[in-house]
């Protein structure tokens, strides 16, 4: 199923409790539990952007983020409406800036306790 949709980037949880979470993840044939999946459309128009949603649904991460850049950024309003129709999935429609802010908060400020994302 996952070969049908391959997100651009996936963050997996590898921190405290990862062994226990692996029991959940291995049911989906993952080594670690996927907690955020990203798709980054740049030149896609409305029809291809619908495929972006399906790709993220197939991966089934805890949260799914569509980062609109380039020509695709003009479809932010459309994507918010479309993602709203898929209420069972946590979709977020972001810009590159919002992804960088999340990265700075989560990864760069991570305490040296050994927990990794």
C-alpha atoms as a PDB file:
ATOM      1  CA  UNK A   1       0.000   0.000   0.000  1.00  0.00           C
ATOM      2  CA  UNK A   2       2.786   2.466   0.847  1.00  0.00           C
ATOM      3  CA  UNK A   3       4.440   2.091  -2.539  1.00  0.00           C
ATOM      4  CA  UNK A   4       1.314   3.717  -3.978  1.00  0.00           C
ATOM      5  CA  UNK A   5       2.040   6.920  -2.080  1.00  0.00           C
ATOM      6  CA  UNK A   6       5.488   8.071  -1.090  1.00  0.00           C
ATOM      7  CA  UNK A   7       5.571  11.353   0.898  1.00  0.00           C
ATOM      8  CA  UNK A   8       8.437  13.771   0.345  1.00  0.00           C
ATOM      9  CA  UNK A   9       9.565  13.598   3.974  1.00  0.00           C
ATOM     10  CA  UNK A  10       8.533  11.625   7.050  1.00  0.00           C
ATOM     11  CA  UNK A  11       9.568  12.204  10.648  1.00  0.00           C
ATOM     12  CA  UNK A  12       9.627   9.034  12.745  1.00  0.00           C
ATOM     13  CA  UNK A  13       9.621   8.843  16.518  1.00  0.00           C
ATOM     14  CA  UNK A  14      12.852   7.337  17.854  1.00  0.00           C
ATOM     15  CA  UNK A  15      12.825   8.639  21.436  1.00  0.00           C
ATOM     16  CA  UNK A  16      11.854   7.264  24.814  1.00  0.00           C
ATOM     17  CA  UNK A  17       9.356   4.445  24.512  1.00  0.00           C
ATOM     18  CA  UNK A  18      10.204   3.724  20.855  1.00  0.00           C
ATOM     19  CA  UNK A  19      10.407  -0.025  21.564  1.00  0.00           C
ATOM     20  CA  UNK A  20       6.817  -0.108  22.736  1.00  0.00           C
ATOM     21  CA  UNK A  21       5.660   2.056  19.847  1.00  0.00           C
ATOM     22  CA  UNK A  22       7.431  -0.303  17.432  1.00  0.00           C
ATOM     23  CA  UNK A  23       4.774  -2.906  18.252  1.00  0.00           C
ATOM     24  CA  UNK A  24       2.220  -0.552  16.719  1.00  0.00           C
ATOM     25  CA  UNK A  25       4.426   0.499  13.810  1.00  0.00           C
ATOM     26  CA  UNK A  26       5.408  -3.020  12.737  1.00  0.00           C
ATOM     27  CA  UNK A  27       1.762  -3.807  12.000  1.00  0.00           C
ATOM     28  CA  UNK A  28       2.123  -1.289   9.167  1.00  0.00           C
ATOM     29  CA  UNK A  29       5.601  -2.602   8.264  1.00  0.00           C
ATOM     30  CA  UNK A  30       7.448   0.421   9.688  1.00  0.00           C
ATOM     31  CA  UNK A  31      10.578   0.248  11.802  1.00  0.00           C
ATOM     32  CA  UNK A  32       9.511   3.357  13.719  1.00  0.00           C
ATOM     33  CA  UNK A  33       6.178   5.065  14.196  1.00  0.00           C
ATOM     34  CA  UNK A  34       5.637   7.812  11.584  1.00  0.00           C
ATOM     35  CA  UNK A  35       4.380  10.876  13.367  1.00  0.00           C
ATOM     36  CA  UNK A  36       4.536  13.598  10.695  1.00  0.00           C
ATOM     37  CA  UNK A  37       4.506  13.149   6.912  1.00  0.00           C
ATOM     38  CA  UNK A  38       5.194  16.041   4.548  1.00  0.00           C
ATOM     39  CA  UNK A  39       4.271  16.589   0.914  1.00  0.00           C
ATOM     40  CA  UNK A  40       5.810  19.606  -0.825  1.00  0.00           C
ATOM     41  CA  UNK A  41       4.002  20.450  -4.059  1.00  0.00           C
ATOM     42  CA  UNK A  42       5.666  23.172  -6.124  1.00  0.00           C
ATOM     43  CA  UNK A  43       4.108  23.227  -9.609  1.00  0.00           C
ATOM     44  CA  UNK A  44       1.020  21.083  -9.030  1.00  0.00           C
ATOM     45  CA  UNK A  45      -2.421  22.400  -9.843  1.00  0.00           C
ATOM     46  CA  UNK A  46      -5.755  21.383  -8.285  1.00  0.00           C
ATOM     47  CA  UNK A  47      -6.022  17.892  -9.783  1.00  0.00           C
ATOM     48  CA  UNK A  48      -2.505  16.848  -8.792  1.00  0.00           C
ATOM     49  CA  UNK A  49      -2.953  18.422  -5.362  1.00  0.00           C
ATOM     50  CA  UNK A  50      -5.822  16.011  -4.699  1.00  0.00           C
ATOM     51  CA  UNK A  51      -3.285  13.234  -5.225  1.00  0.00           C
ATOM     52  CA  UNK A  52      -1.123  14.845  -2.562  1.00  0.00           C
ATOM     53  CA  UNK A  53      -3.899  14.262  -0.026  1.00  0.00           C
ATOM     54  CA  UNK A  54      -4.205  10.612  -1.019  1.00  0.00           C
ATOM     55  CA  UNK A  55      -0.446  10.084  -0.716  1.00  0.00           C
ATOM     56  CA  UNK A  56      -0.546  11.348   2.844  1.00  0.00           C
ATOM     57  CA  UNK A  57      -3.593   9.265   3.702  1.00  0.00           C
ATOM     58  CA  UNK A  58      -1.853   6.103   2.494  1.00  0.00           C
ATOM     59  CA  UNK A  59       1.118   6.770   4.762  1.00  0.00           C
ATOM     60  CA  UNK A  60      -1.166   7.273   7.778  1.00  0.00           C
ATOM     61  CA  UNK A  61       1.172   9.339   9.956  1.00  0.00           C
ATOM     62  CA  UNK A  62      -0.185  10.930  13.118  1.00  0.00           C
ATOM     63  CA  UNK A  63      -0.195  14.296  11.313  1.00  0.00           C
ATOM     64  CA  UNK A  64       0.122  15.214   7.648  1.00  0.00           C
ATOM     65  CA  UNK A  65       1.490  18.514   6.409  1.00  0.00           C
ATOM     66  CA  UNK A  66       1.202  19.891   2.887  1.00  0.00           C
ATOM     67  CA  UNK A  67       3.817  22.592   2.348  1.00  0.00           C
ATOM     68  CA  UNK A  68       2.714  24.748  -0.559  1.00  0.00           C
ATOM     69  CA  UNK A  69       5.568  26.458  -2.405  1.00  0.00           C
ATOM     70  CA  UNK A  70       6.084  27.921  -5.867  1.00  0.00           C
ATOM     71  CA  UNK A  71       3.076  27.901  -8.208  1.00  0.00           C
ATOM     72  CA  UNK A  72       1.144  25.599  -5.877  1.00  0.00           C
ATOM     73  CA  UNK A  73       1.050  28.274  -3.152  1.00  0.00           C
ATOM     74  CA  UNK A  74      -1.821  30.005  -4.972  1.00  0.00           C
ATOM     75  CA  UNK A  75      -4.069  27.039  -4.100  1.00  0.00           C
ATOM     76  CA  UNK A  76      -3.830  27.411  -0.321  1.00  0.00           C
ATOM     77  CA  UNK A  77      -7.513  28.308   0.060  1.00  0.00           C
ATOM     78  CA  UNK A  78      -8.557  25.409  -2.177  1.00  0.00           C
ATOM     79  CA  UNK A  79      -6.364  22.973  -0.246  1.00  0.00           C
ATOM     80  CA  UNK A  80      -7.739  24.094   3.118  1.00  0.00           C
ATOM     81  CA  UNK A  81     -11.275  23.423   1.883  1.00  0.00           C
ATOM     82  CA  UNK A  82     -10.287  20.071   0.406  1.00  0.00           C
ATOM     83  CA  UNK A  83      -8.393  18.967   3.521  1.00  0.00           C
ATOM     84  CA  UNK A  84     -11.413  19.929   5.612  1.00  0.00           C
ATOM     85  CA  UNK A  85     -13.393  17.244   3.803  1.00  0.00           C
ATOM     86  CA  UNK A  86     -11.013  14.600   5.204  1.00  0.00           C
ATOM     87  CA  UNK A  87     -11.793  15.147   8.853  1.00  0.00           C
ATOM     88  CA  UNK A  88     -10.426  11.755   9.943  1.00  0.00           C
ATOM     89  CA  UNK A  89      -6.888  12.787   8.971  1.00  0.00           C
ATOM     90  CA  UNK A  90      -4.881  15.568  10.595  1.00  0.00           C
ATOM     91  CA  UNK A  91      -4.016  17.687   7.572  1.00  0.00           C
ATOM     92  CA  UNK A  92      -2.235  21.003   7.879  1.00  0.00           C
ATOM     93  CA  UNK A  93      -1.614  23.363   4.984  1.00  0.00           C
ATOM     94  CA  UNK A  94       1.616  25.256   5.631  1.00  0.00           C
ATOM     95  CA  UNK A  95       4.276  27.395   4.039  1.00  0.00           C
ATOM     96  CA  UNK A  96       7.999  26.706   4.062  1.00  0.00           C
ATOM     97  CA  UNK A  97       8.374  29.225   6.895  1.00  0.00           C
ATOM     98  CA  UNK A  98       6.043  27.242   9.171  1.00  0.00           C
ATOM     99  CA  UNK A  99       8.013  24.033   8.579  1.00  0.00           C
ATOM    100  CA  UNK A 100      11.275  25.797   9.423  1.00  0.00           C
ATOM    101  CA  UNK A 101       9.742  27.191  12.618  1.00  0.00           C
ATOM    102  CA  UNK A 102       8.582  23.716  13.674  1.00  0.00           C
ATOM    103  CA  UNK A 103      12.017  22.275  12.937  1.00  0.00           C
ATOM    104  CA  UNK A 104      13.689  24.992  15.010  1.00  0.00           C
ATOM    105  CA  UNK A 105      11.355  24.373  17.952  1.00  0.00           C
ATOM    106  CA  UNK A 106      11.454  20.577  17.882  1.00  0.00           C
ATOM    107  CA  UNK A 107      14.879  19.576  16.640  1.00  0.00           C
ATOM    108  CA  UNK A 108      17.210  22.453  17.404  1.00  0.00           C
ATOM    109  CA  UNK A 109      15.902  22.933  20.953  1.00  0.00           C
ATOM    110  CA  UNK A 110      15.851  19.202  21.753  1.00  0.00           C
ATOM    111  CA  UNK A 111      17.515  18.629  25.135  1.00  0.00           C
ATOM    112  CA  UNK A 112      20.592  16.437  25.130  1.00  0.00           C
ATOM    113  CA  UNK A 113      18.681  13.640  26.881  1.00  0.00           C
ATOM    114  CA  UNK A 114      19.226  11.313  23.969  1.00  0.00           C
ATOM    115  CA  UNK A 115      15.682  11.618  22.645  1.00  0.00           C
ATOM    116  CA  UNK A 116      15.675  11.999  18.892  1.00  0.00           C
ATOM    117  CA  UNK A 117      13.078  12.657  16.288  1.00  0.00           C
END
